[in-house]
Amino acid sequence: MLKQTLSNKRKCYEMLMKTLMLLSVALTAVLVLFLIVYVFAKGIPNISWELLSTKPSALSGTIGILPDILNTIYILIATLVIVLPLGVGAAIYLTEYATNKKVVAAIEYAAETLSGIPSIIYGLVGMLLFSNSIGTCLMAGALTLAIMNLPTIMRTTQESLKTVPQSYREGAFGLGAGKWRVVRTVVLPGCIDGVITGCILSAGRIFGESAALLFTAGFAHVVNGVIAGLSAPGATLTVALYVYAKEQGEFGVAFAIAAILMLLTILINLAATLVQKHFEKRRSL
């Protein structure tokens, strides 16, 4: 009788936990779908070719986001060029070369701490370190975003390096390969999916960052080339969204930019999923 009572209690508890989990999943899905549908419904009707292909003009009273799109691309490329070698190199050293566990633990703890710092603080630090030395420009923003995304690249690469079987390394060493050759030809190809995933996640964060760029990159809406653009102030899409919504009251344009950013975020997440599945298939062959 006692066993039957305990069994009934466990079944009730299990059903309660399953119900709560299903409610959590349903609530999360509803919130995500509501946000996507609401932003698209408000933003897509305001997207036009004129908006995407022109720059704003006070004389003609037109609004265009072409400079903001180009600035976003410039700062994305510049940030990834800076952060990828640093993050992947740090991950390789910590996983393959470092022998002092205390130093490794301290560096990993510092990386975890960096990933939890609010972006507005990065903006203030970037303004003091980079904007005061090279001026308010896209490069100052890219350097700030590189520091922000360094923990993401480093940690995802580290975890991916740890998934490469130790037998692969031992087999390469047994054939007479050196340490760097083993890392370059055996380990890195086996974890390239983790590197690409970290890159895509960082790209998503770069697209969506605004607080740090408000202090470092500026608000200019001017079309420039790559070199001139990086050395000049400029607004990205997220900064432009803030300016149009908060300071100019152009909520239609703000929702159009929000819809574009939402679409880019969905595409980035889809790309990350496809890349992961592609490399999983290659590993299973």
Protein backbone atom coordinates (compact mmCIF):
# COMPACT_ATOMS: atom_id res chain seq x y z
CA MET A 1 0.00 0.00 0.00
CA LEU A 2 2.86 2.35 0.89
CA LYS A 3 4.64 1.53 -2.39
CA GLN A 4 1.47 2.28 -4.36
CA THR A 5 1.09 5.63 -2.56
CA LEU A 6 4.71 6.58 -3.34
CA SER A 7 4.22 5.50 -6.94
CA ASN A 8 1.11 7.68 -7.30
CA LYS A 9 2.94 10.67 -5.79
CA ARG A 10 5.84 10.22 -8.21
CA LYS A 11 3.46 10.01 -11.16
CA CYS A 12 1.67 13.18 -10.07
CA TYR A 13 4.99 14.95 -9.57
CA GLU A 14 6.22 13.81 -12.99
CA MET A 15 3.00 14.96 -14.68
CA LEU A 16 3.23 18.32 -12.91
CA MET A 17 6.84 18.84 -14.06
CA LYS A 18 5.99 17.85 -17.64
CA THR A 19 3.04 20.25 -17.64
CA LEU A 20 5.21 23.12 -16.36
CA MET A 21 7.88 22.39 -18.98
CA LEU A 22 5.30 22.30 -21.76
CA LEU A 23 3.86 25.59 -20.57
CA SER A 24 7.36 27.11 -20.54
CA VAL A 25 8.00 25.91 -24.09
CA ALA A 26 4.62 27.18 -25.28
CA LEU A 27 5.10 30.58 -23.62
CA THR A 28 8.57 30.97 -25.15
CA ALA A 29 7.34 29.99 -28.62
CA VAL A 30 4.36 32.36 -28.40
CA LEU A 31 6.55 35.29 -27.32
CA VAL A 32 9.05 34.67 -30.13
CA LEU A 33 6.34 34.32 -32.77
CA PHE A 34 4.53 37.41 -31.49
CA LEU A 35 7.73 39.47 -31.61
CA ILE A 36 8.60 38.31 -35.14
CA VAL A 37 5.09 38.80 -36.51
CA TYR A 38 4.64 42.19 -34.83
CA VAL A 39 7.98 43.59 -36.08
CA PHE A 40 7.45 42.25 -39.60
CA ALA A 41 3.88 43.55 -39.73
CA LYS A 42 5.00 47.02 -38.65
CA GLY A 43 8.26 47.12 -40.60
CA ILE A 44 7.84 45.39 -43.96
CA PRO A 45 5.22 47.86 -45.32
CA ASN A 46 7.72 50.68 -44.70
CA ILE A 47 10.59 49.01 -46.59
CA SER A 48 11.10 50.43 -50.07
CA TRP A 49 13.84 50.53 -52.67
CA GLU A 50 14.28 54.25 -52.04
CA LEU A 51 14.85 53.59 -48.35
CA LEU A 52 17.44 50.88 -49.04
CA SER A 53 19.35 52.64 -51.85
CA THR A 54 19.60 56.29 -50.79
CA LYS A 55 21.12 58.33 -47.99
CA PRO A 56 19.20 60.79 -45.81
CA SER A 57 18.96 64.36 -47.05
CA ALA A 58 17.80 67.33 -45.00
CA LEU A 59 17.29 69.42 -48.14
CA SER A 60 14.91 67.06 -49.89
CA GLY A 61 13.48 65.62 -46.67
CA THR A 62 14.18 62.03 -47.72
CA ILE A 63 15.31 59.21 -45.47
CA GLY A 64 17.64 56.43 -46.63
CA ILE A 65 19.61 53.77 -44.82
CA LEU A 66 22.21 52.88 -47.46
CA PRO A 67 25.06 54.43 -45.41
CA ASP A 68 23.90 52.50 -42.35
CA ILE A 69 23.85 49.20 -44.28
CA LEU A 70 27.37 49.81 -45.61
CA ASN A 71 28.64 50.85 -42.17
CA THR A 72 27.19 47.67 -40.68
CA ILE A 73 29.00 45.56 -43.31
CA TYR A 74 32.27 47.46 -42.77
CA ILE A 75 32.20 47.08 -39.02
CA LEU A 76 31.22 43.41 -39.28
CA ILE A 77 34.17 42.59 -41.55
CA ALA A 78 36.64 44.66 -39.52
CA THR A 79 35.55 43.09 -36.22
CA LEU A 80 35.76 39.51 -37.52
CA VAL A 81 39.18 40.14 -39.09
CA ILE A 82 40.45 41.30 -35.70
CA VAL A 83 38.67 38.88 -33.35
CA LEU A 84 38.94 35.59 -35.27
CA PRO A 85 42.75 35.22 -35.17
CA LEU A 86 42.85 36.36 -31.54
CA GLY A 87 40.03 34.10 -30.35
CA VAL A 88 41.06 30.99 -32.28
CA GLY A 89 44.72 31.49 -31.38
CA ALA A 90 43.91 31.87 -27.68
CA ALA A 91 41.71 28.76 -27.77
CA ILE A 92 44.44 26.70 -29.47
CA TYR A 93 47.02 27.81 -26.92
CA LEU A 94 44.82 27.09 -23.91
CA THR A 95 43.72 23.67 -25.22
CA GLU A 96 46.81 22.34 -26.98
CA TYR A 97 49.86 24.11 -25.53
CA ALA A 98 49.20 25.48 -22.03
CA THR A 99 50.37 23.18 -19.24
CA ASN A 100 49.79 25.35 -16.17
CA LYS A 101 46.21 24.57 -15.14
CA LYS A 102 46.02 27.55 -12.80
CA VAL A 103 46.88 29.97 -15.60
CA VAL A 104 44.35 28.29 -17.90
CA ALA A 105 41.67 28.49 -15.22
CA ALA A 106 42.44 32.18 -14.61
CA ILE A 107 42.22 33.01 -18.32
CA GLU A 108 38.96 31.08 -18.71
CA TYR A 109 37.52 32.84 -15.68
CA ALA A 110 38.53 36.21 -17.15
CA ALA A 111 36.86 35.27 -20.45
CA GLU A 112 33.65 34.25 -18.67
CA THR A 113 33.71 37.55 -16.76
CA LEU A 114 34.17 39.53 -19.99
CA SER A 115 31.19 37.80 -21.58
CA GLY A 116 28.95 38.92 -18.71
CA ILE A 117 29.86 42.62 -18.71
CA PRO A 118 27.08 44.93 -20.02
CA SER A 119 27.76 46.35 -23.46
CA ILE A 120 27.37 49.94 -22.28
CA ILE A 121 30.50 49.48 -20.15
CA TYR A 122 32.37 48.25 -23.21
CA GLY A 123 31.24 51.42 -24.95
CA LEU A 124 32.62 53.63 -22.20
CA VAL A 125 35.93 51.75 -22.14
CA GLY A 126 36.14 51.83 -25.94
CA MET A 127 35.52 55.57 -25.92
CA LEU A 128 38.35 56.11 -23.43
CA LEU A 129 40.82 53.72 -25.06
CA PHE A 130 40.09 53.94 -28.78
CA SER A 131 37.98 57.02 -29.51
CA ASN A 132 40.34 59.29 -27.59
CA SER A 133 43.35 57.90 -29.46
CA ILE A 134 42.18 57.32 -33.05
CA GLY A 135 38.98 59.38 -32.96
CA THR A 136 35.31 58.51 -33.11
CA CYS A 137 35.11 56.19 -36.11
CA LEU A 138 34.02 52.74 -37.22
CA MET A 139 37.46 51.30 -36.44
CA ALA A 140 37.08 52.36 -32.80
CA GLY A 141 33.73 50.59 -32.77
CA ALA A 142 35.22 47.50 -34.42
CA LEU A 143 37.99 47.30 -31.82
CA THR A 144 35.42 47.60 -29.04
CA LEU A 145 33.24 44.89 -30.58
CA ALA A 146 36.31 42.68 -31.01
CA ILE A 147 36.89 42.79 -27.24
CA MET A 148 33.21 42.06 -26.64
CA ASN A 149 33.16 39.02 -28.94
CA LEU A 150 36.57 37.60 -28.00
CA PRO A 151 35.15 35.39 -25.20
CA THR A 152 32.51 33.94 -27.56
CA ILE A 153 35.02 32.97 -30.24
CA MET A 154 37.49 31.66 -27.69
CA ARG A 155 35.04 29.53 -25.70
CA THR A 156 33.24 28.02 -28.70
CA THR A 157 36.57 27.13 -30.32
CA GLN A 158 37.84 25.66 -27.06
CA GLU A 159 34.82 23.43 -26.63
CA SER A 160 35.08 22.34 -30.25
CA LEU A 161 38.80 21.53 -29.87
CA LYS A 162 38.00 19.33 -26.89
CA THR A 163 35.63 17.23 -28.99
CA VAL A 164 38.44 16.10 -31.31
CA PRO A 165 39.41 12.57 -30.13
CA GLN A 166 42.82 12.28 -28.49
CA SER A 167 43.51 9.23 -30.66
CA TYR A 168 43.70 11.53 -33.71
CA ARG A 169 46.53 13.48 -32.10
CA GLU A 170 48.32 10.35 -30.95
CA GLY A 171 48.09 8.81 -34.42
CA ALA A 172 49.58 11.94 -36.01
CA PHE A 173 52.36 12.06 -33.42
CA GLY A 174 53.05 8.38 -34.11
CA LEU A 175 53.62 9.23 -37.77
CA GLY A 176 56.27 11.75 -36.77
CA ALA A 177 54.31 14.98 -37.15
CA GLY A 178 55.24 17.95 -35.00
CA LYS A 179 52.93 19.71 -32.56
CA TRP A 180 51.95 22.60 -34.82
CA ARG A 181 51.51 20.31 -37.84
CA VAL A 182 49.16 18.10 -35.81
CA VAL A 183 47.15 21.12 -34.72
CA ARG A 184 47.04 22.60 -38.22
CA THR A 185 46.28 19.46 -40.23
CA VAL A 186 44.41 17.21 -37.78
CA VAL A 187 42.87 19.16 -34.90
CA LEU A 188 41.66 22.34 -36.63
CA PRO A 189 39.94 20.53 -39.54
CA GLY A 190 38.14 18.39 -36.97
CA CYS A 191 36.71 21.39 -35.12
CA ILE A 192 36.11 23.83 -37.96
CA ASP A 193 32.35 23.65 -37.33
CA GLY A 194 32.83 25.12 -33.87
CA VAL A 195 34.93 27.95 -35.25
CA ILE A 196 32.31 28.77 -37.89
CA THR A 197 29.51 28.57 -35.34
CA GLY A 198 31.34 30.99 -33.05
CA CYS A 199 31.91 33.30 -36.02
CA ILE A 200 28.23 33.28 -36.93
CA LEU A 201 27.14 33.89 -33.33
CA SER A 202 29.56 36.80 -33.10
CA ALA A 203 28.21 38.19 -36.36
CA GLY A 204 24.72 38.12 -34.87
CA ARG A 205 25.90 40.03 -31.83
CA ILE A 206 27.71 42.57 -34.00
CA PHE A 207 24.56 43.15 -36.04
CA GLY A 208 22.51 43.74 -32.92
CA GLU A 209 24.92 45.88 -30.90
CA SER A 210 24.11 49.54 -30.36
CA ALA A 211 25.06 50.65 -26.85
CA ALA A 212 28.82 50.23 -27.37
CA LEU A 213 28.72 51.88 -30.80
CA LEU A 214 26.89 54.96 -29.56
CA PHE A 215 30.08 56.02 -27.75
CA THR A 216 32.67 54.83 -30.27
CA ALA A 217 31.40 54.85 -33.88
CA GLY A 218 29.22 57.95 -33.98
CA PHE A 219 25.98 58.87 -35.78
CA ALA A 220 27.04 59.99 -39.27
CA HIS A 221 24.96 58.90 -42.29
CA VAL A 222 27.55 59.32 -45.06
CA VAL A 223 28.40 56.87 -47.84
CA ASN A 224 32.14 56.07 -47.81
CA GLY A 225 34.44 53.42 -49.19
CA VAL A 226 35.86 50.70 -46.98
CA ILE A 227 39.09 52.49 -45.99
CA ALA A 228 37.53 55.92 -45.67
CA GLY A 229 34.51 54.45 -43.94
CA LEU A 230 36.52 52.74 -41.22
CA SER A 231 38.42 55.94 -40.44
CA ALA A 232 35.26 58.09 -40.32
CA PRO A 233 32.31 58.16 -37.92
CA GLY A 234 29.22 56.29 -39.04
CA ALA A 235 25.96 54.82 -37.77
CA THR A 236 25.16 51.13 -38.09
CA LEU A 237 21.62 49.85 -38.53
CA THR A 238 21.03 49.47 -34.80
CA VAL A 239 22.34 52.96 -34.05
CA ALA A 240 20.22 54.36 -36.88
CA LEU A 241 17.18 52.59 -35.41
CA TYR A 242 17.82 54.31 -32.08
CA VAL A 243 18.30 57.72 -33.71
CA TYR A 244 15.17 57.53 -35.88
CA ALA A 245 12.97 56.18 -33.08
CA LYS A 246 14.23 58.12 -30.08
CA GLU A 247 15.42 61.44 -31.47
CA GLN A 248 13.50 61.96 -34.71
CA GLY A 249 10.25 60.11 -34.02
CA GLU A 250 10.36 58.25 -37.35
CA PHE A 251 8.84 55.05 -36.03
CA GLY A 252 7.99 53.71 -39.50
CA VAL A 253 11.65 53.83 -40.51
CA ALA A 254 12.64 52.40 -37.13
CA PHE A 255 10.33 49.42 -37.60
CA ALA A 256 11.64 48.94 -41.15
CA ILE A 257 15.20 48.75 -39.80
CA ALA A 258 14.01 46.43 -37.03
CA ALA A 259 12.45 44.12 -39.63
CA ILE A 260 15.71 44.07 -41.60
CA LEU A 261 17.70 43.26 -38.45
CA MET A 262 15.20 40.57 -37.49
CA LEU A 263 15.52 39.00 -40.93
CA LEU A 264 19.32 39.09 -40.68
CA THR A 265 19.15 37.44 -37.25
CA ILE A 266 16.92 34.66 -38.57
CA LEU A 267 19.25 34.11 -41.53
CA ILE A 268 22.30 33.98 -39.24
CA ASN A 269 20.68 31.39 -36.96
CA LEU A 270 19.60 29.37 -40.00
CA ALA A 271 23.14 29.51 -41.38
CA ALA A 272 24.54 28.31 -38.06
CA THR A 273 22.15 25.36 -38.06
CA LEU A 274 22.96 24.43 -41.66
CA VAL A 275 26.71 24.65 -41.05
CA GLN A 276 26.44 22.44 -37.98
CA LYS A 277 24.40 19.82 -39.84
CA HIS A 278 26.80 19.90 -42.81
CA PHE A 279 29.83 19.15 -40.67
CA GLU A 280 27.96 16.54 -38.66
CA LYS A 281 27.21 14.72 -41.92
CA ARG A 282 30.86 14.94 -42.97
CA ARG A 283 31.96 13.49 -39.65
CA SER A 284 29.50 10.61 -39.90
CA LEU A 285 30.78 9.58 -43.35
